[in-house]
Each structure stands twice: as C-alpha cells, then as structure tokens.
Amino acid sequence: MRCAMRILGKAVVALIVIAALGWVVMALWNGVIPAAFAGAHVIDYWHALGLLVLSRILVGGFRGHGGWRGRRHWRRWEQMTPEEREKFQQGGFSGRCKRQAESA
C-alpha cells in the first residue's frame, strides 16, 4: 500500500510538472514570438502542450534514459555472476518498493 501511494504521488507530481511546463511554454511564446515576428499569433494552453510534445519528439525523443547511462547498466550486467543475473531476471532487483516489502 505504501508503495502504491508513492507511485501515485510521483504520478501527481509528474502531471503538475507537465502542466507547469505547458504554462511556461505558453507564456514564453506569447511574450516573445508575436513581438519578434510579424504575423505570429498567440497560442492557448493546449497548443503550448502540443508544442512541448513536438519539441520533445524532435529534440529528445521518448527513449528514456539511454546513452551513457545505458552503457553503465550494460557494464554492471557483464560484471554480475550467473546467480545474480538469475535473481535479477526473477525480479529480485526490481525496485525499492519490493526490497522494502521483503525486509518488513
């Protein structure tokens, strides 16, 4: 139950952050772009969220945390013993919530 509340709390915080970023994009666009470019229009909140998603797709993608961090995980996997790999695949290393439940 405690783990579920933690996950729900993180989801709520993520939604708040996304909403705040949408508002920031809208405020910046409406403050800068119409003044800098003739004929540019102001945008509403939903267009700002769409612009935020579009920029994420074009610039960052939705890959998660790849790149250098992925190589670090691969090196860690290579250093594991066969027993540790088996435990990892069975879910023994699957997260903080599961480890807390086992220790309680």
PDB file of N, CA and C in Angstrom:
ATOM      1  N   MET A   1       0.827  -1.200   0.000  1.00  0.00           N
ATOM      2  CA  MET A   1       0.000   0.000   0.000  1.00  0.00           C
ATOM      3  C   MET A   1       0.866   1.257   0.000  1.00  0.00           C
ATOM      4  N   ARG A   2       1.934   1.202   0.795  1.00  0.00           N
ATOM      5  CA  ARG A   2       2.818   2.360   0.861  1.00  0.00           C
ATOM      6  C   ARG A   2       3.493   2.622  -0.481  1.00  0.00           C
ATOM      7  N   CYS A   3       3.840   1.535  -1.170  1.00  0.00           N
ATOM      8  CA  CYS A   3       4.477   1.674  -2.478  1.00  0.00           C
ATOM      9  C   CYS A   3       3.490   2.263  -3.487  1.00  0.00           C
ATOM     10  N   ALA A   4       2.229   1.828  -3.421  1.00  0.00           N
ATOM     11  CA  ALA A   4       1.215   2.355  -4.334  1.00  0.00           C
ATOM     12  C   ALA A   4       1.002   3.848  -4.114  1.00  0.00           C
ATOM     13  N   MET A   5       1.007   4.271  -2.873  1.00  0.00           N
ATOM     14  CA  MET A   5       0.859   5.697  -2.580  1.00  0.00           C
ATOM     15  C   MET A   5       2.054   6.489  -3.100  1.00  0.00           C
ATOM     16  N   ARG A   6       3.233   5.907  -2.996  1.00  0.00           N
ATOM     17  CA  ARG A   6       4.436   6.580  -3.501  1.00  0.00           C
ATOM     18  C   ARG A   6       4.357   6.732  -5.017  1.00  0.00           C
ATOM     19  N   ILE A   7       3.918   5.685  -5.699  1.00  0.00           N
ATOM     20  CA  ILE A   7       3.788   5.745  -7.158  1.00  0.00           C
ATOM     21  C   ILE A   7       2.722   6.755  -7.557  1.00  0.00           C
ATOM     22  N   LEU A   8       1.590   6.750  -6.844  1.00  0.00           N
ATOM     23  CA  LEU A   8       0.531   7.717  -7.127  1.00  0.00           C
ATOM     24  C   LEU A   8       1.014   9.146  -6.890  1.00  0.00           C
ATOM     25  N   GLY A   9       1.775   9.356  -5.825  1.00  0.00           N
ATOM     26  CA  GLY A   9       2.325  10.684  -5.557  1.00  0.00           C
ATOM     27  C   GLY A   9       3.269  11.151  -6.657  1.00  0.00           C
ATOM     28  N   LYS A  10       4.105  10.231  -7.154  1.00  0.00           N
ATOM     29  CA  LYS A  10       5.016  10.588  -8.238  1.00  0.00           C
ATOM     30  C   LYS A  10       4.250  10.916  -9.509  1.00  0.00           C
ATOM     31  N   ALA A  11       3.158  10.180  -9.768  1.00  0.00           N
ATOM     32  CA  ALA A  11       2.348  10.455 -10.946  1.00  0.00           C
ATOM     33  C   ALA A  11       1.693  11.834 -10.851  1.00  0.00           C
ATOM     34  N   VAL A  12       1.210  12.184  -9.664  1.00  0.00           N
ATOM     35  CA  VAL A  12       0.590  13.502  -9.466  1.00  0.00           C
ATOM     36  C   VAL A  12       1.619  14.610  -9.651  1.00  0.00           C
ATOM     37  N   VAL A  13       2.812  14.416  -9.104  1.00  0.00           N
ATOM     38  CA  VAL A  13       3.875  15.412  -9.262  1.00  0.00           C
ATOM     39  C   VAL A  13       4.258  15.545 -10.738  1.00  0.00           C
ATOM     40  N   ALA A  14       4.326  14.428 -11.463  1.00  0.00           N
ATOM     41  CA  ALA A  14       4.665  14.478 -12.890  1.00  0.00           C
ATOM     42  C   ALA A  14       3.609  15.262 -13.664  1.00  0.00           C
ATOM     43  N   LEU A  15       2.336  15.057 -13.355  1.00  0.00           N
ATOM     44  CA  LEU A  15       1.275  15.803 -14.029  1.00  0.00           C
ATOM     45  C   LEU A  15       1.348  17.297 -13.728  1.00  0.00           C
ATOM     46  N   ILE A  16       1.670  17.630 -12.491  1.00  0.00           N
ATOM     47  CA  ILE A  16       1.802  19.038 -12.122  1.00  0.00           C
ATOM     48  C   ILE A  16       2.976  19.678 -12.870  1.00  0.00           C
ATOM     49  N   VAL A  17       4.090  18.950 -12.970  1.00  0.00           N
ATOM     50  CA  VAL A  17       5.261  19.476 -13.675  1.00  0.00           C
ATOM     51  C   VAL A  17       4.949  19.674 -15.157  1.00  0.00           C
ATOM     52  N   ILE A  18       4.255  18.705 -15.774  1.00  0.00           N
ATOM     53  CA  ILE A  18       3.895  18.841 -17.187  1.00  0.00           C
ATOM     54  C   ILE A  18       2.974  20.037 -17.389  1.00  0.00           C
ATOM     55  N   ALA A  19       1.999  20.208 -16.484  1.00  0.00           N
ATOM     56  CA  ALA A  19       1.087  21.350 -16.594  1.00  0.00           C
ATOM     57  C   ALA A  19       1.848  22.669 -16.445  1.00  0.00           C
ATOM     58  N   ALA A  20       2.784  22.714 -15.511  1.00  0.00           N
ATOM     59  CA  ALA A  20       3.563  23.941 -15.311  1.00  0.00           C
ATOM     60  C   ALA A  20       4.449  24.233 -16.522  1.00  0.00           C
ATOM     61  N   LEU A  21       5.055  23.193 -17.089  1.00  0.00           N
ATOM     62  CA  LEU A  21       5.878  23.401 -18.288  1.00  0.00           C
ATOM     63  C   LEU A  21       5.045  23.899 -19.460  1.00  0.00           C
ATOM     64  N   GLY A  22       3.821  23.390 -19.587  1.00  0.00           N
ATOM     65  CA  GLY A  22       2.929  23.880 -20.638  1.00  0.00           C
ATOM     66  C   GLY A  22       2.619  25.352 -20.461  1.00  0.00           C
ATOM     67  N   TRP A  23       2.395  25.749 -19.225  1.00  0.00           N
ATOM     68  CA  TRP A  23       2.117  27.162 -18.959  1.00  0.00           C
ATOM     69  C   TRP A  23       3.351  28.020 -19.264  1.00  0.00           C
ATOM     70  N   VAL A  24       4.549  27.528 -18.909  1.00  0.00           N
ATOM     71  CA  VAL A  24       5.776  28.275 -19.176  1.00  0.00           C
ATOM     72  C   VAL A  24       5.986  28.443 -20.682  1.00  0.00           C
ATOM     73  N   VAL A  25       5.759  27.366 -21.446  1.00  0.00           N
ATOM     74  CA  VAL A  25       5.899  27.448 -22.906  1.00  0.00           C
ATOM     75  C   VAL A  25       4.910  28.460 -23.470  1.00  0.00           C
ATOM     76  N   MET A  26       3.668  28.421 -22.985  1.00  0.00           N
ATOM     77  CA  MET A  26       2.654  29.362 -23.465  1.00  0.00           C
ATOM     78  C   MET A  26       3.061  30.803 -23.141  1.00  0.00           C
ATOM     79  N   ALA A  27       3.516  31.042 -21.923  1.00  0.00           N
ATOM     80  CA  ALA A  27       3.894  32.396 -21.523  1.00  0.00           C
ATOM     81  C   ALA A  27       5.093  32.903 -22.337  1.00  0.00           C
ATOM     82  N   LEU A  28       6.083  32.040 -22.534  1.00  0.00           N
ATOM     83  CA  LEU A  28       7.247  32.453 -23.317  1.00  0.00           C
ATOM     84  C   LEU A  28       6.879  32.715 -24.766  1.00  0.00           C
ATOM     85  N   TRP A  29       6.089  31.827 -25.352  1.00  0.00           N
ATOM     86  CA  TRP A  29       5.673  32.024 -26.748  1.00  0.00           C
ATOM     87  C   TRP A  29       4.903  33.328 -26.895  1.00  0.00           C
ATOM     88  N   ASN A  30       3.907  33.519 -26.039  1.00  0.00           N
ATOM     89  CA  ASN A  30       3.062  34.707 -26.159  1.00  0.00           C
ATOM     90  C   ASN A  30       3.811  35.989 -25.824  1.00  0.00           C
ATOM     91  N   GLY A  31       4.857  35.897 -25.047  1.00  0.00           N
ATOM     92  CA  GLY A  31       5.625  37.083 -24.706  1.00  0.00           C
ATOM     93  C   GLY A  31       6.688  37.443 -25.722  1.00  0.00           C
ATOM     94  N   VAL A  32       7.221  36.437 -26.433  1.00  0.00           N
ATOM     95  CA  VAL A  32       8.371  36.681 -27.302  1.00  0.00           C
ATOM     96  C   VAL A  32       8.018  36.607 -28.784  1.00  0.00           C
ATOM     97  N   ILE A  33       7.391  35.549 -29.191  1.00  0.00           N
ATOM     98  CA  ILE A  33       7.218  35.283 -30.620  1.00  0.00           C
ATOM     99  C   ILE A  33       6.358  36.329 -31.333  1.00  0.00           C
ATOM    100  N   PRO A  34       5.174  36.702 -30.821  1.00  0.00           N
ATOM    101  CA  PRO A  34       4.401  37.722 -31.549  1.00  0.00           C
ATOM    102  C   PRO A  34       5.118  39.071 -31.660  1.00  0.00           C
ATOM    103  N   ALA A  35       5.946  39.397 -30.674  1.00  0.00           N
ATOM    104  CA  ALA A  35       6.679  40.656 -30.734  1.00  0.00           C
ATOM    105  C   ALA A  35       7.865  40.575 -31.699  1.00  0.00           C
ATOM    106  N   ALA A  36       8.439  39.393 -31.831  1.00  0.00           N
ATOM    107  CA  ALA A  36       9.635  39.247 -32.662  1.00  0.00           C
ATOM    108  C   ALA A  36       9.314  39.018 -34.131  1.00  0.00           C
ATOM    109  N   PHE A  37       8.196  38.370 -34.418  1.00  0.00           N
ATOM    110  CA  PHE A  37       7.863  38.021 -35.802  1.00  0.00           C
ATOM    111  C   PHE A  37       6.500  38.594 -36.156  1.00  0.00           C
ATOM    112  N   ALA A  38       6.470  39.359 -37.211  1.00  0.00           N
ATOM    113  CA  ALA A  38       5.209  39.942 -37.670  1.00  0.00           C
ATOM    114  C   ALA A  38       4.303  38.831 -38.190  1.00  0.00           C
ATOM    115  N   GLY A  39       3.065  38.851 -37.798  1.00  0.00           N
ATOM    116  CA  GLY A  39       2.101  37.858 -38.255  1.00  0.00           C
ATOM    117  C   GLY A  39       2.005  36.628 -37.381  1.00  0.00           C
ATOM    118  N   ALA A  40       2.860  36.509 -36.381  1.00  0.00           N
ATOM    119  CA  ALA A  40       2.784  35.361 -35.465  1.00  0.00           C
ATOM    120  C   ALA A  40       1.642  35.586 -34.487  1.00  0.00           C
ATOM    121  N   HIS A  41       0.944  34.527 -34.174  1.00  0.00           N
ATOM    122  CA  HIS A  41      -0.216  34.620 -33.297  1.00  0.00           C
ATOM    123  C   HIS A  41       0.118  34.104 -31.904  1.00  0.00           C
ATOM    124  N   VAL A  42      -0.673  34.530 -30.942  1.00  0.00           N
ATOM    125  CA  VAL A  42      -0.534  33.979 -29.600  1.00  0.00           C
ATOM    126  C   VAL A  42      -1.152  32.582 -29.596  1.00  0.00           C
ATOM    127  N   ILE A  43      -0.720  31.741 -28.663  1.00  0.00           N
ATOM    128  CA  ILE A  43      -1.240  30.382 -28.588  1.00  0.00           C
ATOM    129  C   ILE A  43      -1.932  30.180 -27.249  1.00  0.00           C
ATOM    130  N   ASP A  44      -2.838  29.205 -27.204  1.00  0.00           N
ATOM    131  CA  ASP A  44      -3.505  28.886 -25.952  1.00  0.00           C
ATOM    132  C   ASP A  44      -2.742  27.750 -25.256  1.00  0.00           C
ATOM    133  N   TYR A  45      -3.259  27.333 -24.120  1.00  0.00           N
ATOM    134  CA  TYR A  45      -2.574  26.337 -23.292  1.00  0.00           C
ATOM    135  C   TYR A  45      -2.404  25.006 -24.028  1.00  0.00           C
ATOM    136  N   TRP A  46      -3.436  24.540 -24.723  1.00  0.00           N
ATOM    137  CA  TRP A  46      -3.375  23.237 -25.376  1.00  0.00           C
ATOM    138  C   TRP A  46      -2.390  23.238 -26.544  1.00  0.00           C
ATOM    139  N   HIS A  47      -2.294  24.359 -27.244  1.00  0.00           N
ATOM    140  CA  HIS A  47      -1.286  24.463 -28.299  1.00  0.00           C
ATOM    141  C   HIS A  47       0.120  24.469 -27.701  1.00  0.00           C
ATOM    142  N   ALA A  48       0.265  25.065 -26.535  1.00  0.00           N
ATOM    143  CA  ALA A  48       1.571  25.066 -25.864  1.00  0.00           C
ATOM    144  C   ALA A  48       1.969  23.652 -25.457  1.00  0.00           C
ATOM    145  N   LEU A  49       1.020  22.873 -24.951  1.00  0.00           N
ATOM    146  CA  LEU A  49       1.331  21.484 -24.610  1.00  0.00           C
ATOM    147  C   LEU A  49       1.702  20.692 -25.863  1.00  0.00           C
ATOM    148  N   GLY A  50       0.982  20.936 -26.955  1.00  0.00           N
ATOM    149  CA  GLY A  50       1.327  20.272 -28.208  1.00  0.00           C
ATOM    150  C   GLY A  50       2.705  20.657 -28.693  1.00  0.00           C
ATOM    151  N   LEU A  51       3.062  21.913 -28.547  1.00  0.00           N
ATOM    152  CA  LEU A  51       4.392  22.373 -28.932  1.00  0.00           C
ATOM    153  C   LEU A  51       5.464  21.730 -28.051  1.00  0.00           C
ATOM    154  N   LEU A  52       5.159  21.568 -26.770  1.00  0.00           N
ATOM    155  CA  LEU A  52       6.083  20.915 -25.840  1.00  0.00           C
ATOM    156  C   LEU A  52       6.304  19.461 -26.235  1.00  0.00           C
ATOM    157  N   VAL A  53       5.236  18.750 -26.573  1.00  0.00           N
ATOM    158  CA  VAL A  53       5.360  17.352 -27.007  1.00  0.00           C
ATOM    159  C   VAL A  53       6.127  17.267 -28.316  1.00  0.00           C
ATOM    160  N   LEU A  54       5.817  18.149 -29.251  1.00  0.00           N
ATOM    161  CA  LEU A  54       6.510  18.148 -30.539  1.00  0.00           C
ATOM    162  C   LEU A  54       8.007  18.398 -30.367  1.00  0.00           C
ATOM    163  N   SER A  55       8.364  19.345 -29.519  1.00  0.00           N
ATOM    164  CA  SER A  55       9.787  19.619 -29.306  1.00  0.00           C
ATOM    165  C   SER A  55      10.475  18.444 -28.630  1.00  0.00           C
ATOM    166  N   ARG A  56       9.758  17.748 -27.756  1.00  0.00           N
ATOM    167  CA  ARG A  56      10.326  16.570 -27.092  1.00  0.00           C
ATOM    168  C   ARG A  56      10.575  15.454 -28.106  1.00  0.00           C
ATOM    169  N   ILE A  57       9.646  15.277 -29.036  1.00  0.00           N
ATOM    170  CA  ILE A  57       9.823  14.256 -30.062  1.00  0.00           C
ATOM    171  C   ILE A  57      10.989  14.604 -30.983  1.00  0.00           C
ATOM    172  N   LEU A  58      11.048  15.861 -31.436  1.00  0.00           N
ATOM    173  CA  LEU A  58      12.066  16.256 -32.399  1.00  0.00           C
ATOM    174  C   LEU A  58      13.460  16.347 -31.792  1.00  0.00           C
ATOM    175  N   VAL A  59      13.553  16.805 -30.556  1.00  0.00           N
ATOM    176  CA  VAL A  59      14.868  17.034 -29.958  1.00  0.00           C
ATOM    177  C   VAL A  59      15.302  15.881 -29.070  1.00  0.00           C
ATOM    178  N   GLY A  60      14.420  15.442 -28.169  1.00  0.00           N
ATOM    179  CA  GLY A  60      14.834  14.458 -27.191  1.00  0.00           C
ATOM    180  C   GLY A  60      14.347  13.062 -27.451  1.00  0.00           C
ATOM    181  N   GLY A  61      13.231  12.917 -28.132  1.00  0.00           N
ATOM    182  CA  GLY A  61      12.653  11.601 -28.317  1.00  0.00           C
ATOM    183  C   GLY A  61      12.017  11.108 -27.033  1.00  0.00           C
ATOM    184  N   PHE A  62      11.501   9.896 -27.068  1.00  0.00           N
ATOM    185  CA  PHE A  62      10.885   9.303 -25.890  1.00  0.00           C
ATOM    186  C   PHE A  62      11.628   8.033 -25.503  1.00  0.00           C
ATOM    187  N   ARG A  63      12.936   8.085 -25.580  1.00  0.00           N
ATOM    188  CA  ARG A  63      13.757   6.911 -25.312  1.00  0.00           C
ATOM    189  C   ARG A  63      13.955   6.650 -23.832  1.00  0.00           C
ATOM    190  N   GLY A  64      13.685   7.591 -22.994  1.00  0.00           N
ATOM    191  CA  GLY A  64      14.011   7.418 -21.589  1.00  0.00           C
ATOM    192  C   GLY A  64      15.429   7.856 -21.330  1.00  0.00           C
ATOM    193  N   HIS A  65      16.124   7.115 -20.497  1.00  0.00           N
ATOM    194  CA  HIS A  65      17.495   7.460 -20.121  1.00  0.00           C
ATOM    195  C   HIS A  65      18.462   6.525 -20.835  1.00  0.00           C
ATOM    196  N   GLY A  66      18.727   6.789 -22.080  1.00  0.00           N
ATOM    197  CA  GLY A  66      19.668   5.968 -22.827  1.00  0.00           C
ATOM    198  C   GLY A  66      21.040   6.591 -22.808  1.00  0.00           C
ATOM    199  N   GLY A  67      21.793   6.319 -23.823  1.00  0.00           N
ATOM    200  CA  GLY A  67      23.109   6.932 -23.957  1.00  0.00           C
ATOM    201  C   GLY A  67      24.120   6.366 -22.986  1.00  0.00           C
ATOM    202  N   TRP A  68      24.838   7.244 -22.320  1.00  0.00           N
ATOM    203  CA  TRP A  68      25.903   6.822 -21.418  1.00  0.00           C
ATOM    204  C   TRP A  68      25.377   5.999 -20.265  1.00  0.00           C
ATOM    205  N   ARG A  69      24.220   6.329 -19.771  1.00  0.00           N
ATOM    206  CA  ARG A  69      23.665   5.588 -18.645  1.00  0.00           C
ATOM    207  C   ARG A  69      23.399   4.133 -19.043  1.00  0.00           C
ATOM    208  N   GLY A  70      22.956   3.905 -20.267  1.00  0.00           N
ATOM    209  CA  GLY A  70      22.716   2.548 -20.735  1.00  0.00           C
ATOM    210  C   GLY A  70      23.987   1.715 -20.758  1.00  0.00           C
ATOM    211  N   ARG A  71      25.085   2.330 -21.117  1.00  0.00           N
ATOM    212  CA  ARG A  71      26.364   1.613 -21.120  1.00  0.00           C
ATOM    213  C   ARG A  71      26.785   1.242 -19.708  1.00  0.00           C
ATOM    214  N   ARG A  72      26.502   2.105 -18.761  1.00  0.00           N
ATOM    215  CA  ARG A  72      26.839   1.798 -17.377  1.00  0.00           C
ATOM    216  C   ARG A  72      26.069   0.573 -16.901  1.00  0.00           C
ATOM    217  N   HIS A  73      24.792   0.485 -17.287  1.00  0.00           N
ATOM    218  CA  HIS A  73      23.991  -0.673 -16.898  1.00  0.00           C
ATOM    219  C   HIS A  73      24.504  -1.939 -17.576  1.00  0.00           C
ATOM    220  N   TRP A  74      24.947  -1.820 -18.819  1.00  0.00           N
ATOM    221  CA  TRP A  74      25.475  -2.980 -19.514  1.00  0.00           C
ATOM    222  C   TRP A  74      26.749  -3.480 -18.840  1.00  0.00           C
ATOM    223  N   ARG A  75      27.613  -2.546 -18.441  1.00  0.00           N
ATOM    224  CA  ARG A  75      28.827  -2.963 -17.731  1.00  0.00           C
ATOM    225  C   ARG A  75      28.486  -3.644 -16.421  1.00  0.00           C
ATOM    226  N   ARG A  76      27.479  -3.146 -15.731  1.00  0.00           N
ATOM    227  CA  ARG A  76      27.054  -3.769 -14.480  1.00  0.00           C
ATOM    228  C   ARG A  76      26.518  -5.178 -14.741  1.00  0.00           C
ATOM    229  N   TRP A  77      25.756  -5.344 -15.830  1.00  0.00           N
ATOM    230  CA  TRP A  77      25.233  -6.660 -16.181  1.00  0.00           C
ATOM    231  C   TRP A  77      26.379  -7.625 -16.475  1.00  0.00           C
ATOM    232  N   GLU A  78      27.396  -7.154 -17.190  1.00  0.00           N
ATOM    233  CA  GLU A  78      28.527  -8.026 -17.517  1.00  0.00           C
ATOM    234  C   GLU A  78      29.305  -8.449 -16.280  1.00  0.00           C
ATOM    235  N   GLN A  79      29.314  -7.632 -15.236  1.00  0.00           N
ATOM    236  CA  GLN A  79      30.058  -7.952 -14.024  1.00  0.00           C
ATOM    237  C   GLN A  79      29.283  -8.859 -13.072  1.00  0.00           C
ATOM    238  N   MET A  80      28.000  -9.084 -13.338  1.00  0.00           N
ATOM    239  CA  MET A  80      27.199  -9.935 -12.462  1.00  0.00           C
ATOM    240  C   MET A  80      27.574 -11.397 -12.640  1.00  0.00           C
ATOM    241  N   THR A  81      27.461 -12.129 -11.555  1.00  0.00           N
ATOM    242  CA  THR A  81      27.638 -13.573 -11.622  1.00  0.00           C
ATOM    243  C   THR A  81      26.364 -14.186 -12.204  1.00  0.00           C
ATOM    244  N   PRO A  82      26.425 -15.410 -12.677  1.00  0.00           N
ATOM    245  CA  PRO A  82      25.199 -16.042 -13.199  1.00  0.00           C
ATOM    246  C   PRO A  82      24.067 -16.101 -12.167  1.00  0.00           C
ATOM    247  N   GLU A  83      24.391 -16.259 -10.892  1.00  0.00           N
ATOM    248  CA  GLU A  83      23.364 -16.279  -9.852  1.00  0.00           C
ATOM    249  C   GLU A  83      22.703 -14.913  -9.709  1.00  0.00           C
ATOM    250  N   GLU A  84      23.519 -13.850  -9.772  1.00  0.00           N
ATOM    251  CA  GLU A  84      22.965 -12.500  -9.682  1.00  0.00           C
ATOM    252  C   GLU A  84      22.093 -12.181 -10.891  1.00  0.00           C
ATOM    253  N   ARG A  85      22.505 -12.637 -12.059  1.00  0.00           N
ATOM    254  CA  ARG A  85      21.698 -12.412 -13.262  1.00  0.00           C
ATOM    255  C   ARG A  85      20.355 -13.125 -13.150  1.00  0.00           C
ATOM    256  N   GLU A  86      20.380 -14.348 -12.647  1.00  0.00           N
ATOM    257  CA  GLU A  86      19.131 -15.100 -12.479  1.00  0.00           C
ATOM    258  C   GLU A  86      18.208 -14.406 -11.485  1.00  0.00           C
ATOM    259  N   LYS A  87      18.768 -13.912 -10.383  1.00  0.00           N
ATOM    260  CA  LYS A  87      17.968 -13.192  -9.390  1.00  0.00           C
ATOM    261  C   LYS A  87      17.396 -11.905  -9.984  1.00  0.00           C
ATOM    262  N   PHE A  88      18.195 -11.222 -10.799  1.00  0.00           N
ATOM    263  CA  PHE A  88      17.729 -10.000 -11.450  1.00  0.00           C
ATOM    264  C   PHE A  88      16.575 -10.294 -12.391  1.00  0.00           C
ATOM    265  N   GLN A  89      16.690 -11.345 -13.175  1.00  0.00           N
ATOM    266  CA  GLN A  89      15.648 -11.699 -14.130  1.00  0.00           C
ATOM    267  C   GLN A  89      14.365 -12.142 -13.431  1.00  0.00           C
ATOM    268  N   GLN A  90      14.478 -12.708 -12.226  1.00  0.00           N
ATOM    269  CA  GLN A  90      13.296 -13.125 -11.479  1.00  0.00           C
ATOM    270  C   GLN A  90      12.649 -11.965 -10.741  1.00  0.00           C
ATOM    271  N   GLY A  91      13.276 -10.819 -10.734  1.00  0.00           N
ATOM    272  CA  GLY A  91      12.690  -9.637 -10.114  1.00  0.00           C
ATOM    273  C   GLY A  91      13.268  -9.315  -8.755  1.00  0.00           C
ATOM    274  N   GLY A  92      14.367  -9.914  -8.395  1.00  0.00           N
ATOM    275  CA  GLY A  92      14.972  -9.639  -7.093  1.00  0.00           C
ATOM    276  C   GLY A  92      15.543  -8.246  -6.974  1.00  0.00           C
ATOM    277  N   PHE A  93      15.858  -7.626  -8.096  1.00  0.00           N
ATOM    278  CA  PHE A  93      16.423  -6.281  -8.103  1.00  0.00           C
ATOM    279  C   PHE A  93      15.460  -5.284  -8.722  1.00  0.00           C
ATOM    280  N   SER A  94      14.164  -5.540  -8.622  1.00  0.00           N
ATOM    281  CA  SER A  94      13.217  -4.775  -9.424  1.00  0.00           C
ATOM    282  C   SER A  94      12.847  -3.426  -8.857  1.00  0.00           C
ATOM    283  N   GLY A  95      13.291  -3.062  -7.698  1.00  0.00           N
ATOM    284  CA  GLY A  95      12.989  -1.715  -7.240  1.00  0.00           C
ATOM    285  C   GLY A  95      12.976  -1.581  -5.737  1.00  0.00           C
ATOM    286  N   ARG A  96      12.893  -0.347  -5.298  1.00  0.00           N
ATOM    287  CA  ARG A  96      12.951  -0.025  -3.891  1.00  0.00           C
ATOM    288  C   ARG A  96      11.730  -0.557  -3.144  1.00  0.00           C
ATOM    289  N   CYS A  97      10.551  -0.475  -3.743  1.00  0.00           N
ATOM    290  CA  CYS A  97       9.325  -0.889  -3.060  1.00  0.00           C
ATOM    291  C   CYS A  97       9.341  -2.372  -2.746  1.00  0.00           C
ATOM    292  N   LYS A  98       9.824  -3.177  -3.684  1.00  0.00           N
ATOM    293  CA  LYS A  98       9.837  -4.610  -3.466  1.00  0.00           C
ATOM    294  C   LYS A  98      10.851  -4.978  -2.385  1.00  0.00           C
ATOM    295  N   ARG A  99      11.983  -4.321  -2.373  1.00  0.00           N
ATOM    296  CA  ARG A  99      13.003  -4.618  -1.347  1.00  0.00           C
ATOM    297  C   ARG A  99      12.472  -4.234   0.031  1.00  0.00           C
ATOM    298  N   GLN A 100      11.737  -3.135   0.150  1.00  0.00           N
ATOM    299  CA  GLN A 100      11.190  -2.737   1.439  1.00  0.00           C
ATOM    300  C   GLN A 100      10.150  -3.726   1.901  1.00  0.00           C
ATOM    301  N   ALA A 101       9.362  -4.263   0.976  1.00  0.00           N
ATOM    302  CA  ALA A 101       8.323  -5.226   1.345  1.00  0.00           C
ATOM    303  C   ALA A 101       8.956  -6.519   1.844  1.00  0.00           C
ATOM    304  N   GLU A 102      10.088  -6.936   1.243  1.00  0.00           N
ATOM    305  CA  GLU A 102      10.758  -8.147   1.689  1.00  0.00           C
ATOM    306  C   GLU A 102      11.393  -7.981   3.063  1.00  0.00           C
ATOM    307  N   SER A 103      11.905  -6.795   3.356  1.00  0.00           N
ATOM    308  CA  SER A 103      12.568  -6.574   4.645  1.00  0.00           C
ATOM    309  C   SER A 103      11.587  -6.404   5.789  1.00  0.00           C
ATOM    310  N   ALA A 104      10.340  -6.038   5.481  1.00  0.00           N
ATOM    311  CA  ALA A 104       9.342  -5.806   6.536  1.00  0.00           C
ATOM    312  C   ALA A 104       8.719  -7.085   7.031  1.00  0.00           C
TER     313      ALA A 104
END
